[in-house]
Amino acid sequence: MTNLKDLIKNCSKAITLGTFSISCLLSATLFAAENNENIEVTQVQVTSEELAAIYVLSEICPKFVKGKKFDQGYAALVADYLPDSAKPLRQLQQIAQNPQFKKFLDEARQDAQKAGDDKNRAVCQDIEKYQSY
């Protein structure tokens, strides 16, 4: 099995960054959890596109899922992408407010819109099951 770093990299290149790269990450983690396997995660360079896609999920997912499970899964996902931050959710919100980040957010929003409700709903439901390892 490829490591998580390679999985994220390959997914990002294969399909639009928005929802599919997050689906790949979540699927690998859920697979490992279901099979009681450990995945070795190495530090990866997080791109602005990835952070924008994750932030946009906070905008679109309340339409599809709500509650504590989503909030916990989303917090774990953000923490995994911003591991050096003491307050990763707050840091992502601050990044999203930066005018230079707007172009990445606009692109991620367009990608999410192109993906459609069914794909977005599936990703949001996967986030409810996401756990940091």
N, C-alpha and C. Protein backbone atom coordinates (compact mmCIF):
# COMPACT_ATOMS: atom_id res chain seq x y z
N MET A 1 0.85 -1.18 0.00
CA MET A 1 0.00 0.00 0.00
C MET A 1 0.90 1.24 0.00
N THR A 2 0.58 2.19 -0.84
CA THR A 2 1.37 3.41 -0.87
C THR A 2 1.14 4.20 0.40
N ASN A 3 2.11 5.04 0.72
CA ASN A 3 1.91 5.82 1.93
C ASN A 3 0.97 6.99 1.66
N LEU A 4 0.50 7.60 2.70
CA LEU A 4 -0.50 8.65 2.60
C LEU A 4 0.01 9.83 1.80
N LYS A 5 1.28 10.16 1.93
CA LYS A 5 1.86 11.28 1.19
C LYS A 5 1.72 11.05 -0.31
N ASP A 6 2.04 9.84 -0.78
CA ASP A 6 1.93 9.53 -2.20
C ASP A 6 0.47 9.54 -2.64
N LEU A 7 -0.41 9.04 -1.80
CA LEU A 7 -1.82 9.01 -2.12
C LEU A 7 -2.37 10.41 -2.33
N ILE A 8 -2.04 11.31 -1.43
CA ILE A 8 -2.51 12.69 -1.55
C ILE A 8 -1.95 13.32 -2.82
N LYS A 9 -0.69 13.12 -3.07
CA LYS A 9 -0.03 13.70 -4.25
C LYS A 9 -0.68 13.18 -5.54
N ASN A 10 -0.90 11.88 -5.62
CA ASN A 10 -1.48 11.29 -6.82
C ASN A 10 -2.93 11.72 -7.03
N CYS A 11 -3.68 11.80 -5.96
CA CYS A 11 -5.08 12.22 -6.08
C CYS A 11 -5.17 13.68 -6.54
N SER A 12 -4.28 14.49 -6.01
CA SER A 12 -4.30 15.91 -6.36
C SER A 12 -4.02 16.11 -7.84
N LYS A 13 -3.14 15.28 -8.39
CA LYS A 13 -2.81 15.41 -9.80
C LYS A 13 -3.87 14.80 -10.69
N ALA A 14 -4.52 13.75 -10.25
CA ALA A 14 -5.42 12.99 -11.10
C ALA A 14 -6.74 13.71 -11.38
N ILE A 15 -7.30 14.32 -10.38
CA ILE A 15 -8.63 14.92 -10.49
C ILE A 15 -8.56 16.33 -9.92
N THR A 16 -9.57 17.10 -10.18
CA THR A 16 -9.59 18.45 -9.63
C THR A 16 -9.33 18.41 -8.15
N LEU A 17 -8.60 19.38 -7.69
CA LEU A 17 -8.13 19.39 -6.31
C LEU A 17 -9.26 19.31 -5.31
N GLY A 18 -10.26 20.12 -5.48
CA GLY A 18 -11.37 20.26 -4.55
C GLY A 18 -11.76 19.03 -3.77
N THR A 19 -12.77 18.33 -4.21
CA THR A 19 -13.33 17.26 -3.40
C THR A 19 -12.58 15.96 -3.52
N PHE A 20 -12.02 15.66 -4.65
CA PHE A 20 -11.43 14.33 -4.82
C PHE A 20 -10.17 14.13 -4.00
N SER A 21 -9.33 15.14 -3.88
CA SER A 21 -8.12 14.96 -3.07
C SER A 21 -8.48 14.70 -1.61
N ILE A 22 -9.52 15.34 -1.13
CA ILE A 22 -9.96 15.10 0.23
C ILE A 22 -10.54 13.70 0.35
N SER A 23 -11.29 13.27 -0.66
CA SER A 23 -11.85 11.91 -0.65
C SER A 23 -10.76 10.87 -0.58
N CYS A 24 -9.70 11.07 -1.33
CA CYS A 24 -8.59 10.11 -1.30
C CYS A 24 -7.99 10.01 0.09
N LEU A 25 -7.74 11.13 0.71
CA LEU A 25 -7.18 11.14 2.06
C LEU A 25 -8.11 10.44 3.03
N LEU A 26 -9.38 10.78 2.96
CA LEU A 26 -10.33 10.18 3.88
C LEU A 26 -10.50 8.69 3.64
N SER A 27 -10.53 8.27 2.40
CA SER A 27 -10.69 6.85 2.08
C SER A 27 -9.53 6.03 2.61
N ALA A 28 -8.33 6.52 2.44
CA ALA A 28 -7.16 5.79 2.93
C ALA A 28 -7.19 5.66 4.44
N THR A 29 -7.55 6.72 5.10
CA THR A 29 -7.61 6.69 6.56
C THR A 29 -8.71 5.76 7.04
N LEU A 30 -9.87 5.82 6.39
CA LEU A 30 -10.98 4.96 6.78
C LEU A 30 -10.66 3.50 6.51
N PHE A 31 -9.98 3.22 5.40
CA PHE A 31 -9.57 1.85 5.08
C PHE A 31 -8.67 1.31 6.17
N ALA A 32 -7.71 2.11 6.56
CA ALA A 32 -6.77 1.67 7.60
C ALA A 32 -7.50 1.46 8.92
N ALA A 33 -8.43 2.34 9.24
CA ALA A 33 -9.16 2.20 10.50
C ALA A 33 -10.01 0.94 10.50
N GLU A 34 -10.66 0.66 9.37
CA GLU A 34 -11.51 -0.52 9.28
C GLU A 34 -10.69 -1.80 9.34
N ASN A 35 -9.47 -1.76 8.89
CA ASN A 35 -8.62 -2.95 8.85
C ASN A 35 -7.59 -2.96 9.97
N ASN A 36 -7.74 -2.07 10.93
CA ASN A 36 -6.83 -1.97 12.07
C ASN A 36 -5.37 -1.90 11.64
N GLU A 37 -5.12 -1.18 10.59
CA GLU A 37 -3.75 -1.01 10.10
C GLU A 37 -3.26 0.38 10.48
N ASN A 38 -1.97 0.48 10.63
CA ASN A 38 -1.36 1.79 10.84
C ASN A 38 -0.78 2.25 9.51
N ILE A 39 -0.97 3.48 9.21
CA ILE A 39 -0.38 4.07 8.02
C ILE A 39 0.71 5.01 8.49
N GLU A 40 1.87 4.87 7.92
CA GLU A 40 2.96 5.78 8.26
C GLU A 40 2.75 7.08 7.50
N VAL A 41 2.63 8.14 8.25
CA VAL A 41 2.40 9.44 7.65
C VAL A 41 3.67 10.26 7.81
N THR A 42 4.18 10.72 6.70
CA THR A 42 5.36 11.58 6.75
C THR A 42 4.92 13.02 6.51
N GLN A 43 5.68 13.93 7.01
CA GLN A 43 5.36 15.34 6.85
C GLN A 43 5.38 15.70 5.37
N VAL A 44 4.31 16.30 4.89
CA VAL A 44 4.22 16.72 3.51
C VAL A 44 4.09 18.24 3.45
N GLN A 45 4.50 18.78 2.36
CA GLN A 45 4.33 20.21 2.14
C GLN A 45 2.88 20.46 1.74
N VAL A 46 2.17 21.20 2.52
CA VAL A 46 0.77 21.49 2.26
C VAL A 46 0.68 22.67 1.31
N THR A 47 -0.14 22.52 0.28
CA THR A 47 -0.28 23.59 -0.70
C THR A 47 -1.45 24.50 -0.35
N SER A 48 -1.42 25.68 -0.90
CA SER A 48 -2.53 26.61 -0.72
C SER A 48 -3.81 26.04 -1.31
N GLU A 49 -3.69 25.30 -2.40
CA GLU A 49 -4.85 24.68 -3.03
C GLU A 49 -5.51 23.67 -2.10
N GLU A 50 -4.70 22.88 -1.41
CA GLU A 50 -5.25 21.90 -0.47
C GLU A 50 -5.94 22.59 0.69
N LEU A 51 -5.30 23.60 1.24
CA LEU A 51 -5.92 24.33 2.36
C LEU A 51 -7.21 25.00 1.92
N ALA A 52 -7.24 25.53 0.72
CA ALA A 52 -8.47 26.16 0.22
C ALA A 52 -9.57 25.12 0.05
N ALA A 53 -9.24 23.95 -0.47
CA ALA A 53 -10.24 22.89 -0.63
C ALA A 53 -10.80 22.48 0.72
N ILE A 54 -9.94 22.37 1.72
CA ILE A 54 -10.39 22.00 3.06
C ILE A 54 -11.28 23.10 3.63
N TYR A 55 -10.88 24.34 3.47
CA TYR A 55 -11.68 25.44 3.99
C TYR A 55 -13.07 25.47 3.34
N VAL A 56 -13.11 25.25 2.04
CA VAL A 56 -14.38 25.28 1.31
C VAL A 56 -15.32 24.19 1.82
N LEU A 57 -14.77 23.09 2.28
CA LEU A 57 -15.62 22.05 2.86
C LEU A 57 -16.39 22.58 4.07
N SER A 58 -15.78 23.49 4.82
CA SER A 58 -16.49 24.07 5.97
C SER A 58 -17.67 24.94 5.52
N GLU A 59 -17.60 25.41 4.29
CA GLU A 59 -18.69 26.22 3.75
C GLU A 59 -19.81 25.36 3.16
N ILE A 60 -19.44 24.26 2.49
CA ILE A 60 -20.45 23.48 1.78
C ILE A 60 -21.04 22.34 2.60
N CYS A 61 -20.31 21.80 3.52
CA CYS A 61 -20.77 20.61 4.25
C CYS A 61 -21.97 20.84 5.15
N PRO A 62 -22.14 21.99 5.78
CA PRO A 62 -23.33 22.17 6.62
C PRO A 62 -24.64 21.96 5.86
N LYS A 63 -24.62 22.09 4.57
CA LYS A 63 -25.80 21.82 3.74
C LYS A 63 -26.13 20.32 3.73
N PHE A 64 -25.11 19.48 3.91
CA PHE A 64 -25.29 18.04 3.79
C PHE A 64 -25.23 17.29 5.12
N VAL A 65 -24.38 17.73 6.02
CA VAL A 65 -24.21 17.06 7.31
C VAL A 65 -24.04 18.11 8.39
N LYS A 66 -24.47 17.77 9.59
CA LYS A 66 -24.35 18.69 10.72
C LYS A 66 -24.04 17.88 11.96
N GLY A 67 -23.49 18.53 12.91
CA GLY A 67 -23.35 17.90 14.21
C GLY A 67 -21.93 17.66 14.65
N LYS A 68 -21.85 17.04 15.80
CA LYS A 68 -20.58 16.83 16.49
C LYS A 68 -19.62 15.95 15.70
N LYS A 69 -20.13 14.91 15.04
CA LYS A 69 -19.26 14.01 14.28
C LYS A 69 -18.54 14.76 13.16
N PHE A 70 -19.29 15.59 12.45
CA PHE A 70 -18.65 16.36 11.38
C PHE A 70 -17.64 17.33 11.96
N ASP A 71 -18.02 18.05 13.00
CA ASP A 71 -17.13 19.03 13.60
C ASP A 71 -15.82 18.39 14.07
N GLN A 72 -15.92 17.21 14.69
CA GLN A 72 -14.73 16.51 15.16
C GLN A 72 -13.87 16.02 13.99
N GLY A 73 -14.51 15.46 12.98
CA GLY A 73 -13.77 14.97 11.82
C GLY A 73 -13.08 16.11 11.08
N TYR A 74 -13.80 17.22 10.92
CA TYR A 74 -13.23 18.37 10.24
C TYR A 74 -12.05 18.95 11.03
N ALA A 75 -12.20 19.03 12.34
CA ALA A 75 -11.11 19.53 13.18
C ALA A 75 -9.88 18.63 13.07
N ALA A 76 -10.09 17.32 13.02
CA ALA A 76 -8.97 16.38 12.89
C ALA A 76 -8.30 16.53 11.53
N LEU A 77 -9.09 16.72 10.48
CA LEU A 77 -8.54 16.90 9.14
C LEU A 77 -7.68 18.16 9.07
N VAL A 78 -8.19 19.25 9.59
CA VAL A 78 -7.44 20.51 9.58
C VAL A 78 -6.17 20.36 10.41
N ALA A 79 -6.28 19.73 11.55
CA ALA A 79 -5.10 19.52 12.41
C ALA A 79 -4.03 18.69 11.69
N ASP A 80 -4.45 17.70 10.90
CA ASP A 80 -3.49 16.90 10.15
C ASP A 80 -2.77 17.71 9.08
N TYR A 81 -3.45 18.68 8.52
CA TYR A 81 -2.84 19.52 7.49
C TYR A 81 -2.05 20.69 8.07
N LEU A 82 -2.34 21.05 9.31
CA LEU A 82 -1.60 22.12 9.98
C LEU A 82 -1.08 21.60 11.32
N PRO A 83 -0.20 20.60 11.28
CA PRO A 83 0.22 19.92 12.51
C PRO A 83 1.04 20.77 13.46
N ASP A 84 1.65 21.82 12.99
CA ASP A 84 2.48 22.65 13.85
C ASP A 84 1.70 23.77 14.53
N SER A 85 0.42 23.85 14.26
CA SER A 85 -0.40 24.91 14.81
C SER A 85 -1.05 24.50 16.12
N ALA A 86 -1.02 25.39 17.08
CA ALA A 86 -1.69 25.13 18.36
C ALA A 86 -3.21 25.24 18.20
N LYS A 87 -3.65 26.05 17.26
CA LYS A 87 -5.08 26.25 16.99
C LYS A 87 -5.31 26.17 15.48
N PRO A 88 -5.32 24.96 14.92
CA PRO A 88 -5.38 24.82 13.46
C PRO A 88 -6.65 25.38 12.83
N LEU A 89 -7.80 25.24 13.47
CA LEU A 89 -9.02 25.79 12.88
C LEU A 89 -8.94 27.31 12.78
N ARG A 90 -8.46 27.92 13.84
CA ARG A 90 -8.31 29.38 13.82
C ARG A 90 -7.28 29.81 12.77
N GLN A 91 -6.18 29.06 12.67
CA GLN A 91 -5.16 29.40 11.69
C GLN A 91 -5.72 29.31 10.27
N LEU A 92 -6.50 28.27 9.98
CA LEU A 92 -7.08 28.14 8.64
C LEU A 92 -8.04 29.28 8.36
N GLN A 93 -8.81 29.70 9.34
CA GLN A 93 -9.71 30.84 9.16
C GLN A 93 -8.92 32.11 8.86
N GLN A 94 -7.80 32.30 9.55
CA GLN A 94 -6.95 33.47 9.30
C GLN A 94 -6.34 33.42 7.90
N ILE A 95 -5.90 32.25 7.49
CA ILE A 95 -5.35 32.09 6.14
C ILE A 95 -6.41 32.45 5.11
N ALA A 96 -7.64 32.00 5.34
CA ALA A 96 -8.73 32.25 4.40
C ALA A 96 -9.07 33.74 4.28
N GLN A 97 -8.75 34.52 5.30
CA GLN A 97 -9.02 35.96 5.27
C GLN A 97 -7.96 36.76 4.52
N ASN A 98 -6.84 36.12 4.22
CA ASN A 98 -5.75 36.79 3.53
C ASN A 98 -6.15 37.07 2.08
N PRO A 99 -6.07 38.32 1.63
CA PRO A 99 -6.45 38.66 0.26
C PRO A 99 -5.67 37.85 -0.81
N GLN A 100 -4.45 37.49 -0.52
CA GLN A 100 -3.66 36.73 -1.48
C GLN A 100 -4.15 35.29 -1.61
N PHE A 101 -4.93 34.83 -0.65
CA PHE A 101 -5.47 33.47 -0.65
C PHE A 101 -6.79 33.37 -1.42
N LYS A 102 -7.38 34.52 -1.75
CA LYS A 102 -8.69 34.56 -2.39
C LYS A 102 -8.73 33.76 -3.69
N LYS A 103 -7.69 33.82 -4.49
CA LYS A 103 -7.71 33.10 -5.77
C LYS A 103 -7.78 31.59 -5.55
N PHE A 104 -7.16 31.10 -4.49
CA PHE A 104 -7.22 29.66 -4.19
C PHE A 104 -8.61 29.27 -3.70
N LEU A 105 -9.22 30.15 -2.90
CA LEU A 105 -10.58 29.89 -2.44
C LEU A 105 -11.57 29.89 -3.60
N ASP A 106 -11.42 30.86 -4.49
CA ASP A 106 -12.31 30.93 -5.65
C ASP A 106 -12.22 29.67 -6.50
N GLU A 107 -11.00 29.20 -6.71
CA GLU A 107 -10.79 27.98 -7.49
C GLU A 107 -11.40 26.76 -6.79
N ALA A 108 -11.20 26.66 -5.50
CA ALA A 108 -11.75 25.54 -4.74
C ALA A 108 -13.28 25.58 -4.74
N ARG A 109 -13.86 26.76 -4.65
CA ARG A 109 -15.32 26.89 -4.70
C ARG A 109 -15.85 26.47 -6.07
N GLN A 110 -15.15 26.85 -7.12
CA GLN A 110 -15.55 26.43 -8.46
C GLN A 110 -15.45 24.91 -8.61
N ASP A 111 -14.38 24.32 -8.09
CA ASP A 111 -14.21 22.87 -8.15
C ASP A 111 -15.33 22.16 -7.41
N ALA A 112 -15.69 22.67 -6.25
CA ALA A 112 -16.77 22.07 -5.46
C ALA A 112 -18.09 22.18 -6.20
N GLN A 113 -18.31 23.30 -6.84
CA GLN A 113 -19.54 23.49 -7.60
C GLN A 113 -19.60 22.52 -8.79
N LYS A 114 -18.47 22.34 -9.47
CA LYS A 114 -18.40 21.41 -10.59
C LYS A 114 -18.61 19.96 -10.14
N ALA A 115 -18.15 19.65 -8.94
CA ALA A 115 -18.27 18.28 -8.43
C ALA A 115 -19.73 17.88 -8.23
N GLY A 116 -20.56 18.82 -7.86
CA GLY A 116 -21.97 18.54 -7.68
C GLY A 116 -22.31 18.05 -6.28
N ASP A 117 -23.60 18.05 -6.00
CA ASP A 117 -24.08 17.74 -4.66
C ASP A 117 -23.75 16.31 -4.23
N ASP A 118 -23.89 15.34 -5.13
CA ASP A 118 -23.66 13.95 -4.73
C ASP A 118 -22.22 13.70 -4.27
N LYS A 119 -21.26 14.20 -5.02
CA LYS A 119 -19.85 14.02 -4.64
C LYS A 119 -19.52 14.82 -3.39
N ASN A 120 -20.03 16.03 -3.31
CA ASN A 120 -19.78 16.85 -2.13
C ASN A 120 -20.39 16.21 -0.88
N ARG A 121 -21.60 15.68 -1.02
CA ARG A 121 -22.26 15.01 0.12
C ARG A 121 -21.41 13.82 0.59
N ALA A 122 -20.90 13.04 -0.36
CA ALA A 122 -20.09 11.87 0.00
C ALA A 122 -18.83 12.27 0.75
N VAL A 123 -18.17 13.33 0.29
CA VAL A 123 -16.97 13.80 0.97
C VAL A 123 -17.31 14.29 2.38
N CYS A 124 -18.40 15.03 2.49
CA CYS A 124 -18.80 15.54 3.80
C CYS A 124 -19.15 14.40 4.76
N GLN A 125 -19.79 13.37 4.25
CA GLN A 125 -20.10 12.21 5.09
C GLN A 125 -18.82 11.48 5.50
N ASP A 126 -17.83 11.44 4.61
CA ASP A 126 -16.55 10.83 4.97
C ASP A 126 -15.86 11.61 6.08
N ILE A 127 -16.00 12.90 6.06
CA ILE A 127 -15.37 13.72 7.11
C ILE A 127 -15.95 13.37 8.47
N GLU A 128 -17.21 13.01 8.52
CA GLU A 128 -17.81 12.60 9.80
C GLU A 128 -17.09 11.40 10.40
N LYS A 129 -16.47 10.57 9.57
CA LYS A 129 -15.79 9.36 10.02
C LYS A 129 -14.29 9.56 10.17
N TYR A 130 -13.79 10.72 9.82
CA TYR A 130 -12.35 10.97 9.80
C TYR A 130 -11.80 11.05 11.22
N GLN A 131 -10.69 10.38 11.41
CA GLN A 131 -9.98 10.45 12.69
C GLN A 131 -8.52 10.67 12.41
N SER A 132 -7.89 11.47 13.20
CA SER A 132 -6.46 11.72 13.07
C SER A 132 -5.69 10.54 13.65
N TYR A 133 -4.61 10.16 12.97
CA TYR A 133 -3.80 9.04 13.46
C TYR A 133 -2.40 9.47 13.72
